[in-house]
Amino acid sequence: MLVLEVGALNYFSLILYAVIIFSVAAGALTLSSLLGRKRRSLVKDDPYECGVPQLGETRTEFNVRFFIIAMLFVLFDIEAVLLAPYAIRYIDLGMEGLAEVGVFVIVLGFGLLYAWRKGALDWNTPLGVSREQWLRVQREFMHEDKPEKAQEESREAAGAGQGHGH
């Protein structure tokens, strides 16, 4: 009879579980390749996304804002996950727990404010360009055929931004 210590029993269970998982996965792949049909065609080998055939070049550039918004989503999604245990045990944690969660939320709030001030949440202006600069570029573009009007508006905007006390 095999006698295992408590620590070894835990490792034995883990190893047995891993062997079962890998066996099931390997068995499913093997059965699929042995029993599945092997009729190849141009239509079946053509890549598609969500059932839609590929149109044009697949290697295109994406706006970096998609990635920034995705990272911000993950950040604040994790915030919600980290707040869930507090919500469950808030009575046991008392005022000390409330203070710690308050500091956590304030730090994340400053992060959101920073992202907002840097324009990460504004889809109408390019990253790294202030809203005023972007409006000036748009005005110049709109009056491209009338450069004197664009210069006049730029001078008016610059004069208004300097805050002369006249």
N, C-alpha and C. Protein backbone atom coordinates (compact mmCIF):
# COMPACT_ATOMS: atom_id res chain seq x y z
N MET A 1 0.84 -1.19 0.00
CA MET A 1 0.00 0.00 0.00
C MET A 1 0.88 1.24 0.00
N LEU A 2 0.53 2.18 -0.82
CA LEU A 2 1.31 3.40 -0.98
C LEU A 2 0.82 4.45 0.02
N VAL A 3 1.73 4.95 0.84
CA VAL A 3 1.38 5.96 1.82
C VAL A 3 2.07 7.25 1.39
N LEU A 4 1.27 8.30 1.21
CA LEU A 4 1.81 9.59 0.78
C LEU A 4 1.65 10.61 1.90
N GLU A 5 2.62 11.48 1.99
CA GLU A 5 2.51 12.57 2.96
C GLU A 5 1.53 13.60 2.41
N VAL A 6 1.09 14.52 3.27
CA VAL A 6 0.09 15.51 2.88
C VAL A 6 0.62 16.39 1.75
N GLY A 7 1.86 16.87 1.84
CA GLY A 7 2.43 17.72 0.80
C GLY A 7 2.58 16.99 -0.51
N ALA A 8 3.01 15.72 -0.46
CA ALA A 8 3.17 14.93 -1.68
C ALA A 8 1.82 14.64 -2.30
N LEU A 9 0.78 14.48 -1.49
CA LEU A 9 -0.55 14.22 -2.00
C LEU A 9 -1.05 15.41 -2.81
N ASN A 10 -0.75 16.61 -2.35
CA ASN A 10 -1.14 17.80 -3.10
C ASN A 10 -0.47 17.84 -4.46
N TYR A 11 0.83 17.51 -4.52
CA TYR A 11 1.54 17.49 -5.80
C TYR A 11 1.03 16.36 -6.69
N PHE A 12 0.73 15.21 -6.10
CA PHE A 12 0.21 14.09 -6.87
C PHE A 12 -1.12 14.47 -7.52
N SER A 13 -1.98 15.15 -6.78
CA SER A 13 -3.27 15.59 -7.33
C SER A 13 -3.07 16.56 -8.49
N LEU A 14 -2.14 17.47 -8.32
CA LEU A 14 -1.86 18.45 -9.36
C LEU A 14 -1.32 17.78 -10.62
N ILE A 15 -0.39 16.86 -10.44
CA ILE A 15 0.20 16.17 -11.59
C ILE A 15 -0.85 15.30 -12.28
N LEU A 16 -1.67 14.60 -11.51
CA LEU A 16 -2.73 13.79 -12.09
C LEU A 16 -3.72 14.65 -12.87
N TYR A 17 -4.08 15.79 -12.32
CA TYR A 17 -4.98 16.73 -13.00
C TYR A 17 -4.37 17.20 -14.33
N ALA A 18 -3.09 17.58 -14.32
CA ALA A 18 -2.43 18.04 -15.54
C ALA A 18 -2.37 16.94 -16.59
N VAL A 19 -2.08 15.69 -16.16
CA VAL A 19 -2.03 14.57 -17.10
C VAL A 19 -3.40 14.33 -17.72
N ILE A 20 -4.45 14.41 -16.94
CA ILE A 20 -5.80 14.21 -17.47
C ILE A 20 -6.14 15.31 -18.46
N ILE A 21 -5.84 16.55 -18.14
CA ILE A 21 -6.14 17.68 -19.04
C ILE A 21 -5.41 17.53 -20.37
N PHE A 22 -4.11 17.26 -20.32
CA PHE A 22 -3.34 17.11 -21.56
C PHE A 22 -3.79 15.88 -22.35
N SER A 23 -4.20 14.82 -21.68
CA SER A 23 -4.69 13.63 -22.37
C SER A 23 -5.99 13.91 -23.10
N VAL A 24 -6.89 14.61 -22.46
CA VAL A 24 -8.16 14.96 -23.10
C VAL A 24 -7.91 15.87 -24.31
N ALA A 25 -7.04 16.87 -24.16
CA ALA A 25 -6.75 17.77 -25.27
C ALA A 25 -6.09 17.02 -26.43
N ALA A 26 -5.10 16.19 -26.14
CA ALA A 26 -4.42 15.43 -27.19
C ALA A 26 -5.39 14.45 -27.85
N GLY A 27 -6.25 13.80 -27.06
CA GLY A 27 -7.23 12.87 -27.62
C GLY A 27 -8.21 13.57 -28.54
N ALA A 28 -8.66 14.74 -28.16
CA ALA A 28 -9.60 15.50 -29.01
C ALA A 28 -8.94 15.89 -30.33
N LEU A 29 -7.71 16.35 -30.28
CA LEU A 29 -7.00 16.72 -31.51
C LEU A 29 -6.75 15.51 -32.40
N THR A 30 -6.37 14.39 -31.79
CA THR A 30 -6.09 13.18 -32.56
C THR A 30 -7.36 12.65 -33.22
N LEU A 31 -8.44 12.56 -32.46
CA LEU A 31 -9.70 12.08 -33.04
C LEU A 31 -10.19 13.01 -34.14
N SER A 32 -10.04 14.28 -33.95
CA SER A 32 -10.47 15.25 -34.97
C SER A 32 -9.69 15.06 -36.26
N SER A 33 -8.38 14.86 -36.16
CA SER A 33 -7.58 14.69 -37.37
C SER A 33 -7.83 13.33 -38.03
N LEU A 34 -8.13 12.30 -37.24
CA LEU A 34 -8.37 10.98 -37.81
C LEU A 34 -9.77 10.85 -38.42
N LEU A 35 -10.78 11.41 -37.77
CA LEU A 35 -12.15 11.23 -38.20
C LEU A 35 -12.68 12.35 -39.09
N GLY A 36 -12.02 13.49 -39.09
CA GLY A 36 -12.51 14.63 -39.85
C GLY A 36 -12.29 14.48 -41.34
N ARG A 37 -13.12 15.17 -42.13
CA ARG A 37 -12.98 15.15 -43.59
C ARG A 37 -11.79 16.01 -43.99
N LYS A 38 -11.17 15.62 -45.07
CA LYS A 38 -9.98 16.33 -45.53
C LYS A 38 -10.16 16.84 -46.96
N ARG A 39 -11.25 17.48 -47.21
CA ARG A 39 -11.49 18.06 -48.53
C ARG A 39 -11.00 19.50 -48.51
N ARG A 40 -9.94 19.76 -49.21
CA ARG A 40 -9.37 21.11 -49.25
C ARG A 40 -9.84 21.81 -50.52
N SER A 41 -10.05 23.12 -50.42
CA SER A 41 -10.42 23.92 -51.58
C SER A 41 -9.97 25.35 -51.33
N LEU A 42 -10.01 26.15 -52.37
CA LEU A 42 -9.61 27.56 -52.22
C LEU A 42 -10.54 28.29 -51.25
N VAL A 43 -11.81 27.96 -51.29
CA VAL A 43 -12.77 28.63 -50.42
C VAL A 43 -12.50 28.26 -48.96
N LYS A 44 -12.24 26.98 -48.68
CA LYS A 44 -11.99 26.56 -47.30
C LYS A 44 -10.66 27.07 -46.77
N ASP A 45 -9.67 27.23 -47.64
CA ASP A 45 -8.36 27.69 -47.19
C ASP A 45 -8.24 29.21 -47.13
N ASP A 46 -9.25 29.92 -47.62
CA ASP A 46 -9.22 31.37 -47.61
C ASP A 46 -9.52 31.88 -46.20
N PRO A 47 -8.67 32.77 -45.66
CA PRO A 47 -8.94 33.29 -44.31
C PRO A 47 -10.16 34.22 -44.31
N TYR A 48 -10.87 34.23 -43.22
CA TYR A 48 -12.02 35.13 -43.07
C TYR A 48 -12.12 35.55 -41.62
N GLU A 49 -12.79 36.67 -41.42
CA GLU A 49 -12.99 37.20 -40.08
C GLU A 49 -14.49 37.31 -39.86
N CYS A 50 -15.00 36.57 -38.92
CA CYS A 50 -16.41 36.59 -38.55
C CYS A 50 -17.32 36.27 -39.74
N GLY A 51 -16.86 35.41 -40.62
CA GLY A 51 -17.67 35.00 -41.76
C GLY A 51 -17.65 35.98 -42.91
N VAL A 52 -16.87 37.03 -42.82
CA VAL A 52 -16.80 38.04 -43.88
C VAL A 52 -15.52 37.81 -44.68
N PRO A 53 -15.63 37.69 -46.01
CA PRO A 53 -14.41 37.48 -46.81
C PRO A 53 -13.47 38.68 -46.71
N GLN A 54 -12.20 38.41 -46.90
CA GLN A 54 -11.17 39.46 -46.82
C GLN A 54 -11.29 40.38 -48.03
N LEU A 55 -11.29 41.66 -47.77
CA LEU A 55 -11.31 42.67 -48.83
C LEU A 55 -10.11 43.57 -48.66
N GLY A 56 -9.26 43.64 -49.64
CA GLY A 56 -8.11 44.53 -49.58
C GLY A 56 -6.98 43.99 -48.74
N GLU A 57 -6.06 44.88 -48.38
CA GLU A 57 -4.86 44.53 -47.63
C GLU A 57 -5.19 44.33 -46.15
N THR A 58 -4.64 43.28 -45.56
CA THR A 58 -4.89 43.03 -44.14
C THR A 58 -3.90 43.74 -43.24
N ARG A 59 -2.78 44.15 -43.75
CA ARG A 59 -1.75 44.83 -42.95
C ARG A 59 -1.98 46.34 -43.03
N THR A 60 -2.93 46.83 -42.23
CA THR A 60 -3.22 48.26 -42.22
C THR A 60 -2.87 48.82 -40.85
N GLU A 61 -2.64 50.13 -40.81
CA GLU A 61 -2.33 50.80 -39.56
C GLU A 61 -3.63 51.15 -38.84
N PHE A 62 -3.60 51.01 -37.52
CA PHE A 62 -4.73 51.39 -36.70
C PHE A 62 -4.35 52.62 -35.89
N ASN A 63 -5.34 53.42 -35.60
CA ASN A 63 -5.11 54.58 -34.76
C ASN A 63 -4.69 54.10 -33.37
N VAL A 64 -3.66 54.73 -32.82
CA VAL A 64 -3.14 54.32 -31.52
C VAL A 64 -4.18 54.50 -30.42
N ARG A 65 -5.19 55.30 -30.65
CA ARG A 65 -6.23 55.53 -29.64
C ARG A 65 -6.98 54.23 -29.30
N PHE A 66 -7.11 53.34 -30.27
CA PHE A 66 -7.78 52.07 -29.97
C PHE A 66 -7.02 51.33 -28.87
N PHE A 67 -5.70 51.33 -28.95
CA PHE A 67 -4.89 50.63 -27.97
C PHE A 67 -4.90 51.36 -26.63
N ILE A 68 -4.88 52.67 -26.66
CA ILE A 68 -4.90 53.44 -25.42
C ILE A 68 -6.23 53.24 -24.69
N ILE A 69 -7.33 53.30 -25.45
CA ILE A 69 -8.64 53.08 -24.84
C ILE A 69 -8.72 51.66 -24.30
N ALA A 70 -8.16 50.69 -25.01
CA ALA A 70 -8.17 49.30 -24.53
C ALA A 70 -7.39 49.18 -23.23
N MET A 71 -6.22 49.84 -23.15
CA MET A 71 -5.43 49.78 -21.91
C MET A 71 -6.17 50.45 -20.76
N LEU A 72 -6.82 51.59 -21.04
CA LEU A 72 -7.59 52.26 -19.99
C LEU A 72 -8.76 51.40 -19.54
N PHE A 73 -9.40 50.72 -20.49
CA PHE A 73 -10.49 49.83 -20.14
C PHE A 73 -10.00 48.71 -19.22
N VAL A 74 -8.87 48.10 -19.57
CA VAL A 74 -8.32 47.03 -18.73
C VAL A 74 -7.99 47.57 -17.35
N LEU A 75 -7.38 48.76 -17.30
CA LEU A 75 -7.02 49.35 -16.01
C LEU A 75 -8.24 49.52 -15.11
N PHE A 76 -9.30 50.10 -15.64
CA PHE A 76 -10.47 50.37 -14.82
C PHE A 76 -11.33 49.12 -14.63
N ASP A 77 -11.20 48.16 -15.52
CA ASP A 77 -11.86 46.87 -15.31
C ASP A 77 -11.21 46.15 -14.14
N ILE A 78 -9.90 46.20 -14.07
CA ILE A 78 -9.18 45.60 -12.94
C ILE A 78 -9.52 46.34 -11.65
N GLU A 79 -9.71 47.64 -11.75
CA GLU A 79 -10.13 48.41 -10.56
C GLU A 79 -11.43 47.85 -10.01
N ALA A 80 -12.38 47.58 -10.89
CA ALA A 80 -13.66 47.03 -10.44
C ALA A 80 -13.47 45.65 -9.80
N VAL A 81 -12.60 44.85 -10.38
CA VAL A 81 -12.33 43.52 -9.81
C VAL A 81 -11.69 43.66 -8.44
N LEU A 82 -10.78 44.61 -8.28
CA LEU A 82 -10.11 44.78 -7.00
C LEU A 82 -11.02 45.41 -5.94
N LEU A 83 -12.06 46.09 -6.36
CA LEU A 83 -13.00 46.67 -5.40
C LEU A 83 -14.05 45.66 -4.94
N ALA A 84 -14.24 44.58 -5.68
CA ALA A 84 -15.26 43.59 -5.33
C ALA A 84 -15.01 42.96 -3.95
N PRO A 85 -13.79 42.55 -3.60
CA PRO A 85 -13.60 41.98 -2.25
C PRO A 85 -13.92 42.98 -1.14
N TYR A 86 -13.62 44.24 -1.37
CA TYR A 86 -13.96 45.25 -0.36
C TYR A 86 -15.48 45.35 -0.21
N ALA A 87 -16.18 45.33 -1.35
CA ALA A 87 -17.63 45.44 -1.30
C ALA A 87 -18.26 44.28 -0.55
N ILE A 88 -17.62 43.13 -0.60
CA ILE A 88 -18.16 41.96 0.10
C ILE A 88 -17.90 42.05 1.60
N ARG A 89 -16.74 42.57 1.99
CA ARG A 89 -16.34 42.55 3.40
C ARG A 89 -16.20 43.95 4.00
N TYR A 90 -16.93 44.92 3.50
CA TYR A 90 -16.74 46.30 3.96
C TYR A 90 -17.05 46.49 5.44
N ILE A 91 -17.97 45.74 6.00
CA ILE A 91 -18.29 45.89 7.42
C ILE A 91 -17.13 45.41 8.28
N ASP A 92 -16.53 44.27 7.92
CA ASP A 92 -15.40 43.73 8.69
C ASP A 92 -14.16 44.63 8.60
N LEU A 93 -13.99 45.33 7.48
CA LEU A 93 -12.79 46.14 7.28
C LEU A 93 -12.88 47.48 7.98
N GLY A 94 -14.06 47.96 8.25
CA GLY A 94 -14.25 49.18 9.01
C GLY A 94 -13.71 50.43 8.33
N MET A 95 -13.38 51.43 9.15
CA MET A 95 -12.90 52.71 8.64
C MET A 95 -11.52 52.59 8.01
N GLU A 96 -10.69 51.68 8.53
CA GLU A 96 -9.36 51.49 7.95
C GLU A 96 -9.47 50.99 6.51
N GLY A 97 -10.36 50.04 6.28
CA GLY A 97 -10.58 49.53 4.93
C GLY A 97 -11.14 50.61 4.01
N LEU A 98 -12.05 51.42 4.56
CA LEU A 98 -12.63 52.51 3.76
C LEU A 98 -11.55 53.51 3.37
N ALA A 99 -10.64 53.83 4.28
CA ALA A 99 -9.55 54.76 3.97
C ALA A 99 -8.64 54.19 2.89
N GLU A 100 -8.31 52.90 3.00
CA GLU A 100 -7.44 52.29 1.99
C GLU A 100 -8.10 52.27 0.62
N VAL A 101 -9.38 51.93 0.57
CA VAL A 101 -10.11 51.93 -0.71
C VAL A 101 -10.22 53.36 -1.23
N GLY A 102 -10.41 54.31 -0.34
CA GLY A 102 -10.47 55.71 -0.76
C GLY A 102 -9.18 56.16 -1.41
N VAL A 103 -8.04 55.81 -0.83
CA VAL A 103 -6.74 56.15 -1.43
C VAL A 103 -6.61 55.47 -2.80
N PHE A 104 -7.03 54.21 -2.89
CA PHE A 104 -6.96 53.46 -4.15
C PHE A 104 -7.78 54.16 -5.24
N VAL A 105 -9.01 54.54 -4.91
CA VAL A 105 -9.89 55.20 -5.88
C VAL A 105 -9.36 56.58 -6.25
N ILE A 106 -8.81 57.31 -5.28
CA ILE A 106 -8.26 58.64 -5.58
C ILE A 106 -7.08 58.54 -6.52
N VAL A 107 -6.18 57.57 -6.29
CA VAL A 107 -5.03 57.40 -7.19
C VAL A 107 -5.51 57.07 -8.59
N LEU A 108 -6.48 56.17 -8.71
CA LEU A 108 -7.00 55.85 -10.04
C LEU A 108 -7.74 57.04 -10.65
N GLY A 109 -8.40 57.83 -9.82
CA GLY A 109 -9.05 59.04 -10.31
C GLY A 109 -8.05 60.03 -10.89
N PHE A 110 -6.89 60.16 -10.21
CA PHE A 110 -5.84 61.03 -10.76
C PHE A 110 -5.32 60.47 -12.09
N GLY A 111 -5.24 59.15 -12.19
CA GLY A 111 -4.83 58.54 -13.46
C GLY A 111 -5.81 58.84 -14.58
N LEU A 112 -7.11 58.75 -14.27
CA LEU A 112 -8.13 59.08 -15.26
C LEU A 112 -8.07 60.56 -15.62
N LEU A 113 -7.89 61.43 -14.64
CA LEU A 113 -7.78 62.86 -14.91
C LEU A 113 -6.57 63.16 -15.79
N TYR A 114 -5.44 62.50 -15.51
CA TYR A 114 -4.23 62.67 -16.32
C TYR A 114 -4.48 62.24 -17.78
N ALA A 115 -5.12 61.08 -17.95
CA ALA A 115 -5.41 60.60 -19.31
C ALA A 115 -6.37 61.56 -20.02
N TRP A 116 -7.32 62.10 -19.29
CA TRP A 116 -8.28 63.03 -19.86
C TRP A 116 -7.58 64.32 -20.28
N ARG A 117 -6.70 64.85 -19.39
CA ARG A 117 -6.00 66.10 -19.69
C ARG A 117 -5.03 65.95 -20.86
N LYS A 118 -4.45 64.75 -21.02
CA LYS A 118 -3.52 64.50 -22.12
C LYS A 118 -4.25 64.25 -23.44
N GLY A 119 -5.58 64.16 -23.41
CA GLY A 119 -6.36 63.98 -24.62
C GLY A 119 -6.56 62.53 -25.02
N ALA A 120 -6.28 61.59 -24.13
CA ALA A 120 -6.42 60.18 -24.47
C ALA A 120 -7.88 59.80 -24.68
N LEU A 121 -8.81 60.54 -24.09
CA LEU A 121 -10.22 60.23 -24.21
C LEU A 121 -10.94 61.07 -25.26
N ASP A 122 -10.22 61.99 -25.90
CA ASP A 122 -10.81 62.88 -26.90
C ASP A 122 -10.51 62.34 -28.29
N TRP A 123 -11.53 61.85 -28.98
CA TRP A 123 -11.34 61.25 -30.30
C TRP A 123 -11.21 62.31 -31.39
N ASN A 124 -11.49 63.57 -31.08
CA ASN A 124 -11.51 64.60 -32.11
C ASN A 124 -10.16 65.28 -32.34
N THR A 125 -9.20 65.09 -31.45
CA THR A 125 -7.89 65.70 -31.63
C THR A 125 -6.81 64.63 -31.62
N PRO A 126 -5.75 64.82 -32.40
CA PRO A 126 -4.65 63.84 -32.39
C PRO A 126 -3.92 63.86 -31.05
N LEU A 127 -3.33 62.73 -30.69
CA LEU A 127 -2.57 62.64 -29.45
C LEU A 127 -1.35 63.55 -29.51
N GLY A 128 -1.04 64.20 -28.42
CA GLY A 128 0.14 65.06 -28.34
C GLY A 128 -0.08 66.46 -28.87
N VAL A 129 -1.29 66.77 -29.32
CA VAL A 129 -1.60 68.09 -29.85
C VAL A 129 -2.69 68.69 -28.97
N SER A 130 -2.47 69.92 -28.51
CA SER A 130 -3.49 70.55 -27.67
C SER A 130 -4.72 70.88 -28.51
N ARG A 131 -5.83 71.02 -27.82
CA ARG A 131 -7.09 71.32 -28.53
C ARG A 131 -7.00 72.64 -29.29
N GLU A 132 -6.34 73.63 -28.71
CA GLU A 132 -6.21 74.93 -29.37
C GLU A 132 -5.38 74.80 -30.65
N GLN A 133 -4.27 74.06 -30.57
CA GLN A 133 -3.44 73.87 -31.76
C GLN A 133 -4.22 73.13 -32.85
N TRP A 134 -4.99 72.13 -32.45
CA TRP A 134 -5.76 71.37 -33.43
C TRP A 134 -6.84 72.24 -34.08
N LEU A 135 -7.48 73.11 -33.31
CA LEU A 135 -8.48 74.01 -33.89
C LEU A 135 -7.83 74.98 -34.87
N ARG A 136 -6.59 75.45 -34.54
CA ARG A 136 -5.87 76.34 -35.46
C ARG A 136 -5.54 75.63 -36.76
N VAL A 137 -5.10 74.37 -36.67
CA VAL A 137 -4.79 73.59 -37.87
C VAL A 137 -6.05 73.38 -38.71
N GLN A 138 -7.17 73.10 -38.05
CA GLN A 138 -8.41 72.92 -38.78
C GLN A 138 -8.83 74.21 -39.48
N ARG A 139 -8.69 75.35 -38.78
CA ARG A 139 -9.04 76.63 -39.41
C ARG A 139 -8.17 76.89 -40.62
N GLU A 140 -6.86 76.63 -40.50
CA GLU A 140 -5.95 76.84 -41.63
C GLU A 140 -6.30 75.92 -42.78
N PHE A 141 -6.69 74.70 -42.48
CA PHE A 141 -7.05 73.76 -43.53
C PHE A 141 -8.34 74.19 -44.22
N MET A 142 -9.30 74.68 -43.43
CA MET A 142 -10.58 75.10 -44.00
C MET A 142 -10.41 76.31 -44.93
N HIS A 143 -9.43 77.18 -44.61
CA HIS A 143 -9.21 78.39 -45.42
C HIS A 143 -7.95 78.25 -46.25
N GLU A 144 -7.66 77.03 -46.70
CA GLU A 144 -6.45 76.78 -47.47
C GLU A 144 -6.43 77.60 -48.76
N ASP A 145 -7.60 77.79 -49.35
CA ASP A 145 -7.66 78.56 -50.60
C ASP A 145 -7.60 80.07 -50.34
N LYS A 146 -7.74 80.50 -49.07
CA LYS A 146 -7.68 81.91 -48.71
C LYS A 146 -6.65 82.09 -47.59
N PRO A 147 -5.35 82.05 -47.89
CA PRO A 147 -4.34 82.09 -46.84
C PRO A 147 -4.39 83.38 -46.00
N GLU A 148 -4.79 84.49 -46.60
CA GLU A 148 -4.83 85.74 -45.83
C GLU A 148 -5.90 85.68 -44.75
N LYS A 149 -7.02 85.03 -45.01
CA LYS A 149 -8.07 84.90 -44.01
C LYS A 149 -7.61 83.99 -42.86
N ALA A 150 -6.90 82.91 -43.19
CA ALA A 150 -6.38 82.00 -42.16
C ALA A 150 -5.37 82.71 -41.28
N GLN A 151 -4.49 83.54 -41.88
CA GLN A 151 -3.51 84.28 -41.09
C GLN A 151 -4.19 85.30 -40.18
N GLU A 152 -5.23 85.95 -40.70
CA GLU A 152 -5.97 86.93 -39.91
C GLU A 152 -6.64 86.27 -38.70
N GLU A 153 -7.26 85.10 -38.91
CA GLU A 153 -7.89 84.39 -37.80
C GLU A 153 -6.86 83.91 -36.79
N SER A 154 -5.68 83.49 -37.28
CA SER A 154 -4.62 83.04 -36.38
C SER A 154 -4.14 84.19 -35.51
N ARG A 155 -4.00 85.38 -36.11
CA ARG A 155 -3.56 86.55 -35.34
C ARG A 155 -4.61 86.94 -34.31
N GLU A 156 -5.90 86.86 -34.70
CA GLU A 156 -6.97 87.19 -33.75
C GLU A 156 -6.97 86.20 -32.58
N ALA A 157 -6.79 84.92 -32.88
CA ALA A 157 -6.77 83.90 -31.83
C ALA A 157 -5.56 84.08 -30.92
N ALA A 158 -4.41 84.44 -31.50
CA ALA A 158 -3.21 84.65 -30.70
C ALA A 158 -3.37 85.88 -29.82
N GLY A 159 -3.98 86.94 -30.35
CA GLY A 159 -4.20 88.14 -29.56
C GLY A 159 -5.17 87.90 -28.42
N ALA A 160 -6.21 87.10 -28.66
CA ALA A 160 -7.17 86.79 -27.61
C ALA A 160 -6.57 85.89 -26.55
N GLY A 161 -5.64 85.00 -26.95
CA GLY A 161 -5.02 84.08 -26.01
C GLY A 161 -3.98 84.73 -25.11
N GLN A 162 -3.42 85.90 -25.52
CA GLN A 162 -2.39 86.54 -24.72
C GLN A 162 -2.97 87.31 -23.56
N GLY A 163 -4.23 87.63 -23.61
CA GLY A 163 -4.90 88.28 -22.49
C GLY A 163 -4.45 89.73 -22.27
N HIS A 164 -4.35 90.53 -23.33
CA HIS A 164 -3.99 91.94 -23.17
C HIS A 164 -5.11 92.63 -22.41
N GLY A 165 -4.76 93.49 -21.50
CA GLY A 165 -5.74 94.17 -20.67
C GLY A 165 -6.23 95.46 -21.26
N HIS A 166 -6.57 95.54 -22.55
CA HIS A 166 -7.03 96.77 -23.18
C HIS A 166 -8.46 97.01 -22.90
